[in-house]
Protein backbone atom coordinates (compact mmCIF):
# COMPACT_ATOMS: atom_id res chain seq x y z
CA MET A 1 30.59 112.57 201.02
CA GLY A 2 31.71 116.07 199.97
CA LEU A 3 29.37 118.97 199.29
CA LEU A 4 29.55 118.63 195.50
CA SER A 5 28.85 114.89 195.74
CA LYS A 6 25.83 115.57 197.97
CA ILE A 7 24.57 118.20 195.56
CA GLN A 8 25.08 115.89 192.59
CA ASP A 9 23.15 113.19 194.45
CA ALA A 10 20.28 115.62 194.99
CA PHE A 11 20.68 116.70 191.35
CA ASN A 12 20.13 113.13 190.21
CA ARG A 13 17.04 112.74 192.38
CA ASP A 14 15.72 116.21 191.46
CA LYS A 15 14.08 116.68 194.85
CA ALA A 16 11.74 119.46 195.88
CA PRO A 17 13.28 122.80 196.91
CA GLY A 18 14.62 123.24 200.42
CA LYS A 19 13.09 125.61 202.94
CA ALA A 20 15.51 128.43 202.01
CA ALA A 21 14.81 128.31 198.24
CA SER A 22 12.18 131.06 198.39
CA ALA A 23 14.68 133.35 200.16
CA LEU A 24 16.19 134.13 196.75
CA GLU A 25 13.55 135.47 194.37
CA VAL A 26 15.66 137.21 191.69
CA ASP A 27 18.42 135.73 189.52
CA VAL A 28 20.63 138.56 188.23
CA HIS A 29 22.97 136.62 185.93
CA SER A 30 22.14 133.95 183.38
CA HIS A 31 22.37 133.11 179.70
CA MET A 32 18.86 132.00 178.80
CA LEU A 33 18.09 133.87 175.58
CA PRO A 34 18.44 131.28 172.81
CA GLY A 35 21.08 131.33 170.12
CA ILE A 36 22.89 134.59 170.81
CA ASP A 37 25.82 133.49 172.99
CA ASP A 38 27.19 130.32 174.61
CA GLY A 39 24.04 129.81 176.68
CA ALA A 40 20.70 128.30 175.67
CA LYS A 41 20.78 127.05 172.09
CA THR A 42 17.07 126.72 171.31
CA LEU A 43 13.78 128.13 172.57
CA ASP A 44 12.98 124.72 174.07
CA ASP A 45 16.24 124.89 176.05
CA THR A 46 15.31 128.36 177.23
CA LEU A 47 11.82 127.42 178.35
CA ASP A 48 13.11 124.32 180.15
CA MET A 49 15.67 126.43 182.04
CA ILE A 50 13.10 129.09 182.94
CA GLU A 51 10.53 126.54 184.10
CA ARG A 52 13.01 124.72 186.33
CA THR A 53 14.39 127.99 187.70
CA SER A 54 10.96 129.33 188.62
CA ARG A 55 10.01 126.03 190.25
CA PHE A 56 12.69 126.60 192.91
CA GLY A 57 11.71 130.00 194.27
CA ILE A 58 12.85 132.40 191.53
CA ARG A 59 10.15 134.92 190.58
CA LYS A 60 12.24 137.16 188.33
CA ILE A 61 15.05 136.28 185.93
CA ILE A 62 17.38 139.00 184.67
CA THR A 63 19.16 137.23 181.86
CA THR A 64 22.49 138.70 180.76
CA PRO A 65 23.81 137.60 177.35
CA HIS A 66 27.45 138.20 176.59
CA ILE A 67 28.55 141.28 174.71
CA MET A 68 32.08 140.44 173.62
CA TYR A 69 33.54 141.96 170.46
CA GLU A 70 35.60 138.94 169.40
CA PHE A 71 32.83 136.37 169.82
CA TYR A 72 29.36 137.78 170.59
CA ARG A 73 28.65 141.11 168.95
CA ASN A 74 25.25 141.49 170.53
CA THR A 75 23.59 144.89 170.56
CA PRO A 76 20.76 146.26 172.71
CA ASP A 77 18.38 145.81 169.76
CA ILE A 78 19.37 142.16 169.25
CA ILE A 79 18.94 141.42 172.95
CA ARG A 80 15.63 143.25 173.27
CA GLN A 81 14.15 141.54 170.21
CA LYS A 82 15.17 138.13 171.52
CA LEU A 83 13.79 139.00 174.95
CA GLU A 84 10.39 139.91 173.47
CA PHE A 85 10.36 136.62 171.56
CA VAL A 86 11.00 134.63 174.75
CA GLN A 87 8.58 136.70 176.84
CA GLU A 88 5.79 135.86 174.39
CA ALA A 89 6.64 132.16 174.60
CA VAL A 90 6.70 132.31 178.41
CA LYS A 91 3.31 134.00 178.39
CA GLU A 92 1.87 131.35 176.05
CA ARG A 93 3.14 128.62 178.40
CA GLY A 94 1.48 130.33 181.37
CA MET A 95 4.71 130.47 183.38
CA ASP A 96 4.55 132.59 186.53
CA VAL A 97 7.91 134.33 186.19
CA GLU A 98 9.03 137.81 185.18
CA LEU A 99 11.75 137.98 182.55
CA GLU A 100 14.09 140.92 181.87
CA ALA A 101 17.37 141.28 180.03
CA ALA A 102 20.55 143.28 180.50
CA ALA A 103 24.01 142.15 179.38
CA GLU A 104 27.30 140.79 180.61
CA TYR A 105 29.88 143.15 179.13
CA TYR A 106 33.37 141.81 178.55
CA LEU A 107 36.07 144.32 179.40
CA ASP A 108 37.77 144.69 176.03
CA ASP A 109 38.79 147.64 173.87
CA ALA A 110 35.34 147.84 172.32
CA PHE A 111 33.66 148.16 175.71
CA ILE A 112 36.21 150.73 176.91
CA GLN A 113 35.44 152.80 173.82
CA MET A 114 31.72 152.53 174.52
CA VAL A 115 32.31 153.91 178.01
CA LYS A 116 34.53 156.70 176.71
CA ASN A 117 31.90 157.61 174.12
CA LYS A 118 29.23 157.51 176.82
CA GLU A 119 27.11 155.14 174.80
CA PRO A 120 23.97 153.94 176.61
CA LEU A 121 24.50 150.55 178.25
CA LEU A 122 22.08 147.78 179.07
CA THR A 123 21.42 147.88 182.80
CA PHE A 124 19.22 146.23 185.40
CA GLY A 125 17.78 147.41 188.70
CA ASP A 126 19.23 150.66 189.96
CA ASN A 127 21.42 151.31 186.89
CA TYR A 128 23.61 148.25 187.53
CA VAL A 129 26.02 147.20 184.75
CA LEU A 130 27.39 143.66 184.80
CA ILE A 131 31.06 143.39 183.74
CA GLU A 132 33.44 140.47 183.37
CA THR A 133 37.13 140.26 182.47
CA ASN A 134 39.62 137.75 181.17
CA TYR A 135 39.94 134.90 183.68
CA ILE A 136 43.72 134.69 183.60
CA GLN A 137 44.97 138.25 183.27
CA SER A 138 43.63 141.46 184.76
CA HIS A 139 42.90 144.42 182.50
CA PRO A 140 45.08 147.46 183.29
CA GLU A 141 42.06 149.78 183.00
CA LEU A 142 39.74 147.77 185.24
CA LEU A 143 39.54 150.26 188.11
CA GLN A 144 39.51 153.22 185.72
CA VAL A 145 36.51 151.78 183.88
CA PHE A 146 34.69 151.23 187.16
CA PHE A 147 35.43 154.86 188.08
CA ASP A 148 34.29 156.20 184.70
CA LEU A 149 31.05 154.23 184.92
CA ARG A 150 30.30 155.56 188.36
CA ILE A 151 30.96 159.14 187.16
CA GLN A 152 28.37 158.53 184.42
CA GLY A 153 25.80 157.38 186.96
CA TYR A 154 26.17 153.63 186.49
CA LYS A 155 26.81 151.13 189.27
CA PRO A 156 29.38 148.58 188.05
CA VAL A 157 28.82 144.98 189.12
CA PHE A 158 31.88 142.73 188.94
CA ALA A 159 30.66 139.36 187.63
CA HIS A 160 31.87 136.23 189.46
CA PRO A 161 35.08 137.76 190.94
CA GLU A 162 35.83 134.50 192.74
CA ARG A 163 36.63 132.86 189.39
CA TYR A 164 39.47 135.13 188.25
CA ALA A 165 42.81 133.36 188.57
CA TYR A 166 44.69 136.67 188.62
CA LEU A 167 43.13 137.50 192.00
CA LEU A 168 43.77 134.17 193.70
CA ARG A 169 46.74 133.77 196.03
CA ASN A 170 48.20 130.91 198.07
CA ARG A 171 47.26 132.58 201.36
CA ALA A 172 43.78 133.71 202.31
CA LYS A 173 45.07 137.02 203.66
CA GLU A 174 46.81 137.89 200.39
CA THR A 175 43.76 136.84 198.39
CA LEU A 176 41.56 139.06 200.51
CA GLU A 177 43.90 142.01 199.99
CA ALA A 178 43.69 141.56 196.20
CA TYR A 179 39.90 141.63 196.34
CA GLN A 180 39.79 144.50 198.81
CA ARG A 181 41.39 146.89 196.31
CA ILE A 182 38.61 146.25 193.81
CA TYR A 183 35.90 146.21 196.46
CA ASP A 184 37.07 149.59 197.75
CA SER A 185 36.76 151.05 194.23
CA GLY A 186 32.99 150.93 194.65
CA ALA A 187 32.33 147.96 192.37
CA LEU A 188 29.67 145.54 193.57
CA PHE A 189 30.50 141.83 193.75
CA GLN A 190 28.20 139.25 192.15
CA LEU A 191 29.15 135.67 192.97
CA ASN A 192 28.02 132.50 191.21
CA LEU A 193 26.03 129.96 193.20
CA MET A 194 27.84 127.16 191.36
CA SER A 195 31.12 128.43 192.81
CA PHE A 196 29.87 127.60 196.30
CA ALA A 197 28.92 124.13 195.10
CA GLY A 198 32.51 123.45 193.99
CA TYR A 199 31.55 123.29 190.32
CA TYR A 200 34.62 125.27 189.20
CA GLY A 201 37.04 123.62 191.63
CA PRO A 202 38.03 123.79 195.30
CA GLN A 203 40.10 126.99 195.17
CA ILE A 204 37.22 128.97 193.68
CA LYS A 205 34.82 127.43 196.19
CA ASN A 206 37.12 128.43 199.05
CA THR A 207 37.41 131.97 197.66
CA ALA A 208 33.64 132.28 197.39
CA GLU A 209 33.26 131.20 201.01
CA LEU A 210 36.00 133.64 202.06
CA LEU A 211 34.16 136.54 200.41
CA LEU A 212 30.93 135.38 202.04
CA LYS A 213 32.60 135.25 205.44
CA GLU A 214 34.03 138.75 204.98
CA GLY A 215 30.67 140.18 203.90
CA MET A 216 31.98 141.08 200.44
CA ILE A 217 29.00 139.88 198.42
CA HIS A 218 26.31 142.16 197.03
CA MET A 219 24.51 139.74 194.71
CA VAL A 220 24.49 136.10 193.70
CA GLY A 221 23.50 134.65 190.35
CA SER A 222 23.15 131.32 188.64
CA ASP A 223 25.26 132.16 185.55
CA ALA A 224 23.28 129.25 184.09
CA HIS A 225 24.16 128.42 180.49
CA LYS A 226 22.24 125.13 180.22
CA VAL A 227 19.61 123.12 182.02
CA GLU A 228 22.22 121.03 183.87
CA HIS A 229 23.41 124.22 185.59
CA VAL A 230 19.87 125.02 186.68
CA ARG A 231 19.36 121.54 188.09
CA LEU A 232 22.67 121.71 190.00
CA ILE A 233 21.73 125.07 191.54
CA ASN A 234 18.26 123.81 192.43
CA ALA A 235 19.87 120.89 194.23
CA MET A 236 22.18 123.27 196.06
CA LYS A 237 19.15 125.09 197.43
CA GLN A 238 18.61 122.06 199.68
CA THR A 239 21.88 122.68 201.56
CA LYS A 240 22.76 124.57 204.75
CA LEU A 241 25.36 126.55 202.78
CA PHE A 242 22.59 128.05 200.64
CA GLU A 243 20.86 129.16 203.84
CA ARG A 244 24.07 130.93 204.87
CA ILE A 245 24.34 132.63 201.50
CA THR A 246 20.78 133.93 201.52
CA ALA A 247 21.24 135.15 205.10
CA ALA A 248 23.79 137.67 203.76
CA ASP A 249 22.70 141.22 202.97
CA LEU A 250 22.07 140.61 199.27
CA LEU A 251 20.55 143.06 196.80
CA ASN A 252 18.83 140.40 194.68
CA ASN A 253 15.38 140.67 196.15
CA THR A 254 15.39 144.47 195.93
CA LEU A 255 15.29 144.10 192.16
């Protein structure tokens, strides 16, 4: 039985968390605010995701709705208002979890203009800014944007780098070289836990494990969009691989 099959089996049985679950106390990437992107659709969905996440060791959730000009034109005000709405509901339910919000910025022309205009960005922790790109094609200004953000005092975090097809190669050495150029730019790498579970396919799983082996991971996140993602990640927390991941020098728990 492969790892994903074992995890799905645990998913179906919804067992208690493994011993290593409490080693990861902060989730830095998720889509749990209802109705503002492709994540949680309703408040009930949100509360179900938060309750299940907190049950498996997470004490703080930094949820990161998309800001993407073509699809999700969220603003700091929209995100903050929705956060306050959910925080009140969490408080009423008596859930023992801290909830914050930042954003997952898509690297498009609108975001580049925001950076050039030095508009204030939604951050988490020590001025971290979460950024994603197109999955198929790299953006020609990727490294320049990372540089500009660092000049302005931000710390760019590259969301789920293991998932970008434009960085994957047929040989591990060539793949590593492609990632090294971005890593050396000063961007921090945030990997998805579901990548390690094989949720996105074997090549992405192998790339995630390669970056783990090479010590090129700064943070991990759920990137949960629905309750099924949360349950899959909770099941993964019962595996030896999760113990290896949390043994890395991650920044999550410093947040």
